[in-house]
Amino acid sequence: MVIEWLKFKVTPERREEFIQKDAEIWTPALTSCAGFLSKEVWIDPTELTEVIFVIRWATREQWLKVSQDLLDRTEQQFAQQMGNSYQMVESGEYQVRKFPINS
């Protein structure tokens, strides 16, 4: 499993709208992609300008095969709704490692 980690800075007054529009626009688009497993939204209750998305993909290969056209169209639709109220400030890729528990 691979984790796509995205950190956004958002206008504090629009943070909840950002999360809602993401659920309406981005999540369905990603759900249609092979290998998509799940998505979580992380918020810091003391930092109102920050939103983190943790997206789980079955394999790195499936994640990287997501169509650039789909990404561009989805981002355009999202940007039309949210304007200049957000900016991606960090992104990362992580692998989930599991180790046996020794008794």
PDB file of N, CA and C in Angstrom:
ATOM      1  N   MET A   1       0.859  -1.171   0.000  1.00  0.00           N
ATOM      2  CA  MET A   1       0.000   0.000   0.000  1.00  0.00           C
ATOM      3  C   MET A   1       0.907   1.237   0.000  1.00  0.00           C
ATOM      4  N   VAL A   2       0.428   2.260  -0.699  1.00  0.00           N
ATOM      5  CA  VAL A   2       1.137   3.534  -0.735  1.00  0.00           C
ATOM      6  C   VAL A   2       0.200   4.633  -0.237  1.00  0.00           C
ATOM      7  N   ILE A   3       0.787   5.591   0.462  1.00  0.00           N
ATOM      8  CA  ILE A   3       0.029   6.725   0.994  1.00  0.00           C
ATOM      9  C   ILE A   3       0.415   7.978   0.226  1.00  0.00           C
ATOM     10  N   GLU A   4      -0.581   8.664  -0.286  1.00  0.00           N
ATOM     11  CA  GLU A   4      -0.393   9.995  -0.869  1.00  0.00           C
ATOM     12  C   GLU A   4      -0.771  10.984   0.234  1.00  0.00           C
ATOM     13  N   TRP A   5       0.162  11.861   0.587  1.00  0.00           N
ATOM     14  CA  TRP A   5      -0.031  12.803   1.691  1.00  0.00           C
ATOM     15  C   TRP A   5       0.007  14.216   1.123  1.00  0.00           C
ATOM     16  N   LEU A   6      -1.067  14.977   1.330  1.00  0.00           N
ATOM     17  CA  LEU A   6      -1.176  16.330   0.783  1.00  0.00           C
ATOM     18  C   LEU A   6      -1.518  17.310   1.897  1.00  0.00           C
ATOM     19  N   LYS A   7      -0.771  18.407   1.962  1.00  0.00           N
ATOM     20  CA  LYS A   7      -1.024  19.443   2.968  1.00  0.00           C
ATOM     21  C   LYS A   7      -1.396  20.738   2.260  1.00  0.00           C
ATOM     22  N   PHE A   8      -2.511  21.323   2.686  1.00  0.00           N
ATOM     23  CA  PHE A   8      -3.023  22.560   2.109  1.00  0.00           C
ATOM     24  C   PHE A   8      -3.082  23.652   3.158  1.00  0.00           C
ATOM     25  N   LYS A   9      -2.840  24.874   2.709  1.00  0.00           N
ATOM     26  CA  LYS A   9      -3.145  26.067   3.488  1.00  0.00           C
ATOM     27  C   LYS A   9      -4.431  26.624   2.907  1.00  0.00           C
ATOM     28  N   VAL A  10      -5.380  26.919   3.784  1.00  0.00           N
ATOM     29  CA  VAL A  10      -6.682  27.411   3.336  1.00  0.00           C
ATOM     30  C   VAL A  10      -7.049  28.668   4.114  1.00  0.00           C
ATOM     31  N   THR A  11      -7.909  29.462   3.518  1.00  0.00           N
ATOM     32  CA  THR A  11      -8.459  30.617   4.220  1.00  0.00           C
ATOM     33  C   THR A  11      -9.268  30.085   5.398  1.00  0.00           C
ATOM     34  N   PRO A  12      -8.977  30.533   6.612  1.00  0.00           N
ATOM     35  CA  PRO A  12      -9.647  29.949   7.789  1.00  0.00           C
ATOM     36  C   PRO A  12     -11.169  29.947   7.709  1.00  0.00           C
ATOM     37  N   GLU A  13     -11.752  31.033   7.183  1.00  0.00           N
ATOM     38  CA  GLU A  13     -13.216  31.109   7.101  1.00  0.00           C
ATOM     39  C   GLU A  13     -13.794  30.098   6.130  1.00  0.00           C
ATOM     40  N   ARG A  14     -12.960  29.561   5.245  1.00  0.00           N
ATOM     41  CA  ARG A  14     -13.474  28.648   4.218  1.00  0.00           C
ATOM     42  C   ARG A  14     -12.981  27.216   4.406  1.00  0.00           C
ATOM     43  N   ARG A  15     -12.363  26.937   5.551  1.00  0.00           N
ATOM     44  CA  ARG A  15     -11.819  25.590   5.757  1.00  0.00           C
ATOM     45  C   ARG A  15     -12.892  24.522   5.658  1.00  0.00           C
ATOM     46  N   GLU A  16     -14.014  24.701   6.322  1.00  0.00           N
ATOM     47  CA  GLU A  16     -15.074  23.678   6.272  1.00  0.00           C
ATOM     48  C   GLU A  16     -15.650  23.547   4.864  1.00  0.00           C
ATOM     49  N   GLU A  17     -15.785  24.652   4.170  1.00  0.00           N
ATOM     50  CA  GLU A  17     -16.261  24.598   2.782  1.00  0.00           C
ATOM     51  C   GLU A  17     -15.247  23.861   1.906  1.00  0.00           C
ATOM     52  N   PHE A  18     -13.961  24.101   2.129  1.00  0.00           N
ATOM     53  CA  PHE A  18     -12.903  23.407   1.397  1.00  0.00           C
ATOM     54  C   PHE A  18     -13.034  21.891   1.585  1.00  0.00           C
ATOM     55  N   ILE A  19     -13.233  21.464   2.806  1.00  0.00           N
ATOM     56  CA  ILE A  19     -13.370  20.031   3.098  1.00  0.00           C
ATOM     57  C   ILE A  19     -14.628  19.473   2.447  1.00  0.00           C
ATOM     58  N   GLN A  20     -15.722  20.209   2.515  1.00  0.00           N
ATOM     59  CA  GLN A  20     -16.986  19.756   1.925  1.00  0.00           C
ATOM     60  C   GLN A  20     -16.879  19.662   0.400  1.00  0.00           C
ATOM     61  N   LYS A  21     -16.325  20.695  -0.236  1.00  0.00           N
ATOM     62  CA  LYS A  21     -16.194  20.675  -1.700  1.00  0.00           C
ATOM     63  C   LYS A  21     -15.236  19.575  -2.145  1.00  0.00           C
ATOM     64  N   ASP A  22     -14.200  19.336  -1.367  1.00  0.00           N
ATOM     65  CA  ASP A  22     -13.295  18.231  -1.681  1.00  0.00           C
ATOM     66  C   ASP A  22     -14.052  16.905  -1.674  1.00  0.00           C
ATOM     67  N   ALA A  23     -14.903  16.720  -0.673  1.00  0.00           N
ATOM     68  CA  ALA A  23     -15.694  15.483  -0.586  1.00  0.00           C
ATOM     69  C   ALA A  23     -16.667  15.355  -1.756  1.00  0.00           C
ATOM     70  N   GLU A  24     -17.179  16.478  -2.250  1.00  0.00           N
ATOM     71  CA  GLU A  24     -18.132  16.461  -3.359  1.00  0.00           C
ATOM     72  C   GLU A  24     -17.456  16.304  -4.718  1.00  0.00           C
ATOM     73  N   ILE A  25     -16.232  16.825  -4.856  1.00  0.00           N
ATOM     74  CA  ILE A  25     -15.590  16.884  -6.172  1.00  0.00           C
ATOM     75  C   ILE A  25     -14.424  15.899  -6.288  1.00  0.00           C
ATOM     76  N   TRP A  26     -13.448  16.020  -5.402  1.00  0.00           N
ATOM     77  CA  TRP A  26     -12.247  15.195  -5.520  1.00  0.00           C
ATOM     78  C   TRP A  26     -12.478  13.732  -5.140  1.00  0.00           C
ATOM     79  N   THR A  27     -13.169  13.503  -4.038  1.00  0.00           N
ATOM     80  CA  THR A  27     -13.313  12.124  -3.574  1.00  0.00           C
ATOM     81  C   THR A  27     -14.024  11.231  -4.589  1.00  0.00           C
ATOM     82  N   PRO A  28     -15.136  11.656  -5.191  1.00  0.00           N
ATOM     83  CA  PRO A  28     -15.749  10.793  -6.209  1.00  0.00           C
ATOM     84  C   PRO A  28     -14.832  10.533  -7.416  1.00  0.00           C
ATOM     85  N   ALA A  29     -14.067  11.544  -7.802  1.00  0.00           N
ATOM     86  CA  ALA A  29     -13.140  11.359  -8.925  1.00  0.00           C
ATOM     87  C   ALA A  29     -12.093  10.303  -8.578  1.00  0.00           C
ATOM     88  N   LEU A  30     -11.546  10.378  -7.373  1.00  0.00           N
ATOM     89  CA  LEU A  30     -10.532   9.407  -6.971  1.00  0.00           C
ATOM     90  C   LEU A  30     -11.125   8.014  -6.788  1.00  0.00           C
ATOM     91  N   THR A  31     -12.343   7.960  -6.269  1.00  0.00           N
ATOM     92  CA  THR A  31     -13.010   6.673  -6.054  1.00  0.00           C
ATOM     93  C   THR A  31     -13.175   5.901  -7.358  1.00  0.00           C
ATOM     94  N   SER A  32     -13.274   6.616  -8.462  1.00  0.00           N
ATOM     95  CA  SER A  32     -13.439   5.966  -9.770  1.00  0.00           C
ATOM     96  C   SER A  32     -12.138   5.365 -10.296  1.00  0.00           C
ATOM     97  N   CYS A  33     -11.035   5.610  -9.642  1.00  0.00           N
ATOM     98  CA  CYS A  33      -9.724   5.161 -10.126  1.00  0.00           C
ATOM     99  C   CYS A  33      -9.355   3.791  -9.559  1.00  0.00           C
ATOM    100  N   ALA A  34      -8.787   2.959 -10.407  1.00  0.00           N
ATOM    101  CA  ALA A  34      -8.306   1.646  -9.968  1.00  0.00           C
ATOM    102  C   ALA A  34      -7.240   1.835  -8.908  1.00  0.00           C
ATOM    103  N   GLY A  35      -7.341   1.067  -7.849  1.00  0.00           N
ATOM    104  CA  GLY A  35      -6.337   1.109  -6.802  1.00  0.00           C
ATOM    105  C   GLY A  35      -6.642   2.042  -5.642  1.00  0.00           C
ATOM    106  N   PHE A  36      -7.647   2.909  -5.811  1.00  0.00           N
ATOM    107  CA  PHE A  36      -8.013   3.805  -4.710  1.00  0.00           C
ATOM    108  C   PHE A  36      -8.610   2.969  -3.584  1.00  0.00           C
ATOM    109  N   LEU A  37      -8.114   3.172  -2.356  1.00  0.00           N
ATOM    110  CA  LEU A  37      -8.624   2.422  -1.209  1.00  0.00           C
ATOM    111  C   LEU A  37      -9.428   3.287  -0.253  1.00  0.00           C
ATOM    112  N   SER A  38      -8.880   4.445   0.123  1.00  0.00           N
ATOM    113  CA  SER A  38      -9.588   5.283   1.086  1.00  0.00           C
ATOM    114  C   SER A  38      -8.930   6.653   1.165  1.00  0.00           C
ATOM    115  N   LYS A  39      -9.622   7.545   1.863  1.00  0.00           N
ATOM    116  CA  LYS A  39      -9.127   8.909   2.031  1.00  0.00           C
ATOM    117  C   LYS A  39      -9.557   9.410   3.399  1.00  0.00           C
ATOM    118  N   GLU A  40      -8.636  10.066   4.089  1.00  0.00           N
ATOM    119  CA  GLU A  40      -8.937  10.692   5.371  1.00  0.00           C
ATOM    120  C   GLU A  40      -8.602  12.170   5.290  1.00  0.00           C
ATOM    121  N   VAL A  41      -9.335  12.961   6.046  1.00  0.00           N
ATOM    122  CA  VAL A  41      -9.065  14.387   6.177  1.00  0.00           C
ATOM    123  C   VAL A  41      -8.604  14.610   7.608  1.00  0.00           C
ATOM    124  N   TRP A  42      -7.428  15.214   7.733  1.00  0.00           N
ATOM    125  CA  TRP A  42      -6.895  15.525   9.057  1.00  0.00           C
ATOM    126  C   TRP A  42      -6.902  17.036   9.233  1.00  0.00           C
ATOM    127  N   ILE A  43      -7.427  17.487  10.364  1.00  0.00           N
ATOM    128  CA  ILE A  43      -7.378  18.916  10.686  1.00  0.00           C
ATOM    129  C   ILE A  43      -6.792  19.080  12.086  1.00  0.00           C
ATOM    130  N   ASP A  44      -6.076  20.155  12.256  1.00  0.00           N
ATOM    131  CA  ASP A  44      -5.528  20.531  13.550  1.00  0.00           C
ATOM    132  C   ASP A  44      -6.502  21.534  14.155  1.00  0.00           C
ATOM    133  N   PRO A  45      -7.101  21.230  15.292  1.00  0.00           N
ATOM    134  CA  PRO A  45      -8.097  22.141  15.861  1.00  0.00           C
ATOM    135  C   PRO A  45      -7.526  23.499  16.253  1.00  0.00           C
ATOM    136  N   THR A  46      -6.208  23.609  16.372  1.00  0.00           N
ATOM    137  CA  THR A  46      -5.607  24.892  16.751  1.00  0.00           C
ATOM    138  C   THR A  46      -5.024  25.641  15.561  1.00  0.00           C
ATOM    139  N   GLU A  47      -4.960  24.993  14.394  1.00  0.00           N
ATOM    140  CA  GLU A  47      -4.399  25.637  13.196  1.00  0.00           C
ATOM    141  C   GLU A  47      -5.476  25.648  12.114  1.00  0.00           C
ATOM    142  N   LEU A  48      -6.256  26.718  12.067  1.00  0.00           N
ATOM    143  CA  LEU A  48      -7.426  26.777  11.194  1.00  0.00           C
ATOM    144  C   LEU A  48      -7.089  26.930   9.722  1.00  0.00           C
ATOM    145  N   THR A  49      -5.835  27.139   9.383  1.00  0.00           N
ATOM    146  CA  THR A  49      -5.456  27.315   7.980  1.00  0.00           C
ATOM    147  C   THR A  49      -4.897  26.032   7.368  1.00  0.00           C
ATOM    148  N   GLU A  50      -4.929  24.929   8.088  1.00  0.00           N
ATOM    149  CA  GLU A  50      -4.273  23.708   7.612  1.00  0.00           C
ATOM    150  C   GLU A  50      -5.272  22.566   7.428  1.00  0.00           C
ATOM    151  N   VAL A  51      -5.136  21.885   6.288  1.00  0.00           N
ATOM    152  CA  VAL A  51      -5.906  20.665   6.018  1.00  0.00           C
ATOM    153  C   VAL A  51      -4.939  19.661   5.402  1.00  0.00           C
ATOM    154  N   ILE A  52      -4.981  18.438   5.898  1.00  0.00           N
ATOM    155  CA  ILE A  52      -4.132  17.372   5.369  1.00  0.00           C
ATOM    156  C   ILE A  52      -5.029  16.249   4.875  1.00  0.00           C
ATOM    157  N   PHE A  53      -4.701  15.745   3.689  1.00  0.00           N
ATOM    158  CA  PHE A  53      -5.390  14.581   3.138  1.00  0.00           C
ATOM    159  C   PHE A  53      -4.424  13.405   3.125  1.00  0.00           C
ATOM    160  N   VAL A  54      -4.911  12.267   3.588  1.00  0.00           N
ATOM    161  CA  VAL A  54      -4.163  11.020   3.562  1.00  0.00           C
ATOM    162  C   VAL A  54      -4.953  10.075   2.663  1.00  0.00           C
ATOM    163  N   ILE A  55      -4.375   9.769   1.504  1.00  0.00           N
ATOM    164  CA  ILE A  55      -5.068   8.964   0.497  1.00  0.00           C
ATOM    165  C   ILE A  55      -4.321   7.646   0.350  1.00  0.00           C
ATOM    166  N   ARG A  56      -5.045   6.557   0.475  1.00  0.00           N
ATOM    167  CA  ARG A  56      -4.437   5.230   0.396  1.00  0.00           C
ATOM    168  C   ARG A  56      -4.699   4.608  -0.977  1.00  0.00           C
ATOM    169  N   TRP A  57      -3.618   4.113  -1.571  1.00  0.00           N
ATOM    170  CA  TRP A  57      -3.675   3.435  -2.864  1.00  0.00           C
ATOM    171  C   TRP A  57      -3.143   2.013  -2.692  1.00  0.00           C
ATOM    172  N   ALA A  58      -3.736   1.075  -3.422  1.00  0.00           N
ATOM    173  CA  ALA A  58      -3.323  -0.326  -3.321  1.00  0.00           C
ATOM    174  C   ALA A  58      -1.865  -0.502  -3.732  1.00  0.00           C
ATOM    175  N   THR A  59      -1.479   0.129  -4.853  1.00  0.00           N
ATOM    176  CA  THR A  59      -0.097   0.034  -5.322  1.00  0.00           C
ATOM    177  C   THR A  59       0.355   1.388  -5.857  1.00  0.00           C
ATOM    178  N   ARG A  60       1.640   1.581  -5.866  1.00  0.00           N
ATOM    179  CA  ARG A  60       2.212   2.809  -6.421  1.00  0.00           C
ATOM    180  C   ARG A  60       1.910   2.897  -7.915  1.00  0.00           C
ATOM    181  N   GLU A  61       1.977   1.772  -8.589  1.00  0.00           N
ATOM    182  CA  GLU A  61       1.730   1.739 -10.030  1.00  0.00           C
ATOM    183  C   GLU A  61       0.320   2.206 -10.363  1.00  0.00           C
ATOM    184  N   GLN A  62      -0.666   1.755  -9.593  1.00  0.00           N
ATOM    185  CA  GLN A  62      -2.046   2.184  -9.839  1.00  0.00           C
ATOM    186  C   GLN A  62      -2.211   3.677  -9.566  1.00  0.00           C
ATOM    187  N   TRP A  63      -1.594   4.164  -8.518  1.00  0.00           N
ATOM    188  CA  TRP A  63      -1.663   5.592  -8.198  1.00  0.00           C
ATOM    189  C   TRP A  63      -1.071   6.419  -9.326  1.00  0.00           C
ATOM    190  N   LEU A  64       0.076   6.007  -9.827  1.00  0.00           N
ATOM    191  CA  LEU A  64       0.750   6.780 -10.878  1.00  0.00           C
ATOM    192  C   LEU A  64       0.048   6.678 -12.235  1.00  0.00           C
ATOM    193  N   LYS A  65      -0.845   5.712 -12.399  1.00  0.00           N
ATOM    194  CA  LYS A  65      -1.601   5.575 -13.654  1.00  0.00           C
ATOM    195  C   LYS A  65      -2.868   6.425 -13.691  1.00  0.00           C
ATOM    196  N   VAL A  66      -3.150   7.152 -12.608  1.00  0.00           N
ATOM    197  CA  VAL A  66      -4.326   8.026 -12.613  1.00  0.00           C
ATOM    198  C   VAL A  66      -4.128   9.050 -13.730  1.00  0.00           C
ATOM    199  N   SER A  67      -5.122   9.182 -14.562  1.00  0.00           N
ATOM    200  CA  SER A  67      -5.056  10.038 -15.749  1.00  0.00           C
ATOM    201  C   SER A  67      -4.804  11.502 -15.390  1.00  0.00           C
ATOM    202  N   GLN A  68      -3.809  12.095 -16.031  1.00  0.00           N
ATOM    203  CA  GLN A  68      -3.535  13.524 -15.839  1.00  0.00           C
ATOM    204  C   GLN A  68      -4.734  14.352 -16.272  1.00  0.00           C
ATOM    205  N   ASP A  69      -5.447  13.894 -17.297  1.00  0.00           N
ATOM    206  CA  ASP A  69      -6.646  14.596 -17.747  1.00  0.00           C
ATOM    207  C   ASP A  69      -7.701  14.626 -16.634  1.00  0.00           C
ATOM    208  N   LEU A  70      -7.890  13.494 -15.956  1.00  0.00           N
ATOM    209  CA  LEU A  70      -8.843  13.446 -14.843  1.00  0.00           C
ATOM    210  C   LEU A  70      -8.407  14.400 -13.732  1.00  0.00           C
ATOM    211  N   LEU A  71      -7.135  14.408 -13.411  1.00  0.00           N
ATOM    212  CA  LEU A  71      -6.626  15.294 -12.365  1.00  0.00           C
ATOM    213  C   LEU A  71      -6.831  16.761 -12.742  1.00  0.00           C
ATOM    214  N   ASP A  72      -6.515  17.102 -13.976  1.00  0.00           N
ATOM    215  CA  ASP A  72      -6.652  18.492 -14.434  1.00  0.00           C
ATOM    216  C   ASP A  72      -8.113  18.943 -14.440  1.00  0.00           C
ATOM    217  N   ARG A  73      -9.006  18.097 -14.948  1.00  0.00           N
ATOM    218  CA  ARG A  73     -10.425  18.450 -14.994  1.00  0.00           C
ATOM    219  C   ARG A  73     -11.002  18.606 -13.590  1.00  0.00           C
ATOM    220  N   THR A  74     -10.606  17.707 -12.705  1.00  0.00           N
ATOM    221  CA  THR A  74     -11.113  17.757 -11.339  1.00  0.00           C
ATOM    222  C   THR A  74     -10.595  18.997 -10.615  1.00  0.00           C
ATOM    223  N   GLU A  75      -9.314  19.293 -10.789  1.00  0.00           N
ATOM    224  CA  GLU A  75      -8.758  20.497 -10.148  1.00  0.00           C
ATOM    225  C   GLU A  75      -9.418  21.762 -10.690  1.00  0.00           C
ATOM    226  N   GLN A  76      -9.698  21.792 -11.986  1.00  0.00           N
ATOM    227  CA  GLN A  76     -10.358  22.964 -12.573  1.00  0.00           C
ATOM    228  C   GLN A  76     -11.748  23.147 -11.961  1.00  0.00           C
ATOM    229  N   GLN A  77     -12.482  22.071 -11.826  1.00  0.00           N
ATOM    230  CA  GLN A  77     -13.818  22.138 -11.228  1.00  0.00           C
ATOM    231  C   GLN A  77     -13.734  22.588  -9.764  1.00  0.00           C
ATOM    232  N   PHE A  78     -12.768  22.053  -9.042  1.00  0.00           N
ATOM    233  CA  PHE A  78     -12.596  22.422  -7.636  1.00  0.00           C
ATOM    234  C   PHE A  78     -12.205  23.890  -7.506  1.00  0.00           C
ATOM    235  N   ALA A  79     -11.278  24.339  -8.328  1.00  0.00           N
ATOM    236  CA  ALA A  79     -10.812  25.733  -8.285  1.00  0.00           C
ATOM    237  C   ALA A  79     -11.936  26.708  -8.629  1.00  0.00           C
ATOM    238  N   GLN A  80     -12.841  26.316  -9.519  1.00  0.00           N
ATOM    239  CA  GLN A  80     -13.984  27.174  -9.835  1.00  0.00           C
ATOM    240  C   GLN A  80     -14.852  27.391  -8.611  1.00  0.00           C
ATOM    241  N   GLN A  81     -14.955  26.392  -7.772  1.00  0.00           N
ATOM    242  CA  GLN A  81     -15.776  26.492  -6.557  1.00  0.00           C
ATOM    243  C   GLN A  81     -15.064  27.240  -5.432  1.00  0.00           C
ATOM    244  N   MET A  82     -13.743  27.063  -5.337  1.00  0.00           N
ATOM    245  CA  MET A  82     -13.010  27.579  -4.178  1.00  0.00           C
ATOM    246  C   MET A  82     -12.155  28.807  -4.460  1.00  0.00           C
ATOM    247  N   GLY A  83     -11.938  29.141  -5.730  1.00  0.00           N
ATOM    248  CA  GLY A  83     -11.139  30.321  -6.043  1.00  0.00           C
ATOM    249  C   GLY A  83      -9.727  30.249  -5.494  1.00  0.00           C
ATOM    250  N   ASN A  84      -9.234  31.390  -5.034  1.00  0.00           N
ATOM    251  CA  ASN A  84      -7.860  31.478  -4.515  1.00  0.00           C
ATOM    252  C   ASN A  84      -7.801  31.283  -3.010  1.00  0.00           C
ATOM    253  N   SER A  85      -8.679  30.483  -2.448  1.00  0.00           N
ATOM    254  CA  SER A  85      -8.752  30.332  -1.002  1.00  0.00           C
ATOM    255  C   SER A  85      -7.873  29.210  -0.459  1.00  0.00           C
ATOM    256  N   TYR A  86      -7.099  28.553  -1.321  1.00  0.00           N
ATOM    257  CA  TYR A  86      -6.290  27.415  -0.875  1.00  0.00           C
ATOM    258  C   TYR A  86      -5.016  27.315  -1.707  1.00  0.00           C
ATOM    259  N   GLN A  87      -4.046  26.617  -1.141  1.00  0.00           N
ATOM    260  CA  GLN A  87      -2.789  26.353  -1.852  1.00  0.00           C
ATOM    261  C   GLN A  87      -2.185  25.072  -1.289  1.00  0.00           C
ATOM    262  N   MET A  88      -1.772  24.172  -2.174  1.00  0.00           N
ATOM    263  CA  MET A  88      -1.047  22.996  -1.717  1.00  0.00           C
ATOM    264  C   MET A  88       0.365  23.444  -1.338  1.00  0.00           C
ATOM    265  N   VAL A  89       0.787  23.112  -0.123  1.00  0.00           N
ATOM    266  CA  VAL A  89       2.096  23.550   0.349  1.00  0.00           C
ATOM    267  C   VAL A  89       3.075  22.399   0.539  1.00  0.00           C
ATOM    268  N   GLU A  90       2.575  21.175   0.633  1.00  0.00           N
ATOM    269  CA  GLU A  90       3.445  20.014   0.756  1.00  0.00           C
ATOM    270  C   GLU A  90       2.751  18.794   0.180  1.00  0.00           C
ATOM    271  N   SER A  91       3.551  17.883  -0.318  1.00  0.00           N
ATOM    272  CA  SER A  91       3.023  16.590  -0.741  1.00  0.00           C
ATOM    273  C   SER A  91       4.090  15.544  -0.483  1.00  0.00           C
ATOM    274  N   GLY A  92       3.649  14.334  -0.305  1.00  0.00           N
ATOM    275  CA  GLY A  92       4.601  13.268  -0.039  1.00  0.00           C
ATOM    276  C   GLY A  92       4.030  11.913  -0.378  1.00  0.00           C
ATOM    277  N   GLU A  93       4.923  10.956  -0.424  1.00  0.00           N
ATOM    278  CA  GLU A  93       4.561   9.570  -0.709  1.00  0.00           C
ATOM    279  C   GLU A  93       5.168   8.701   0.378  1.00  0.00           C
ATOM    280  N   TYR A  94       4.362   7.820   0.928  1.00  0.00           N
ATOM    281  CA  TYR A  94       4.816   6.935   1.997  1.00  0.00           C
ATOM    282  C   TYR A  94       4.387   5.514   1.682  1.00  0.00           C
ATOM    283  N   GLN A  95       5.171   4.570   2.141  1.00  0.00           N
ATOM    284  CA  GLN A  95       4.817   3.162   2.032  1.00  0.00           C
ATOM    285  C   GLN A  95       4.439   2.666   3.416  1.00  0.00           C
ATOM    286  N   VAL A  96       3.439   1.815   3.466  1.00  0.00           N
ATOM    287  CA  VAL A  96       3.028   1.215   4.725  1.00  0.00           C
ATOM    288  C   VAL A  96       3.849  -0.048   4.914  1.00  0.00           C
ATOM    289  N   ARG A  97       4.538  -0.113   6.032  1.00  0.00           N
ATOM    290  CA  ARG A  97       5.354  -1.288   6.350  1.00  0.00           C
ATOM    291  C   ARG A  97       4.731  -1.980   7.554  1.00  0.00           C
ATOM    292  N   LYS A  98       4.604  -3.283   7.465  1.00  0.00           N
ATOM    293  CA  LYS A  98       4.068  -4.052   8.561  1.00  0.00           C
ATOM    294  C   LYS A  98       5.102  -5.085   8.963  1.00  0.00           C
ATOM    295  N   PHE A  99       5.280  -5.228  10.253  1.00  0.00           N
ATOM    296  CA  PHE A  99       6.248  -6.172  10.767  1.00  0.00           C
ATOM    297  C   PHE A  99       5.528  -7.160  11.674  1.00  0.00           C
ATOM    298  N   PRO A 100       5.965  -8.408  11.673  1.00  0.00           N
ATOM    299  CA  PRO A 100       5.319  -9.394  12.548  1.00  0.00           C
ATOM    300  C   PRO A 100       5.547  -9.046  14.016  1.00  0.00           C
ATOM    301  N   ILE A 101       4.544  -9.344  14.810  1.00  0.00           N
ATOM    302  CA  ILE A 101       4.659  -9.121  16.256  1.00  0.00           C
ATOM    303  C   ILE A 101       5.236 -10.382  16.857  1.00  0.00           C
ATOM    304  N   ASN A 102       6.352 -10.250  17.523  1.00  0.00           N
ATOM    305  CA  ASN A 102       7.005 -11.396  18.168  1.00  0.00           C
ATOM    306  C   ASN A 102       6.477 -11.553  19.575  1.00  0.00           C
ATOM    307  N   SER A 103       6.038 -12.746  19.888  1.00  0.00           N
ATOM    308  CA  SER A 103       5.489 -12.997  21.233  1.00  0.00           C
ATOM    309  C   SER A 103       6.578 -13.342  22.204  1.00  0.00           C
TER     310      SER A 103
END
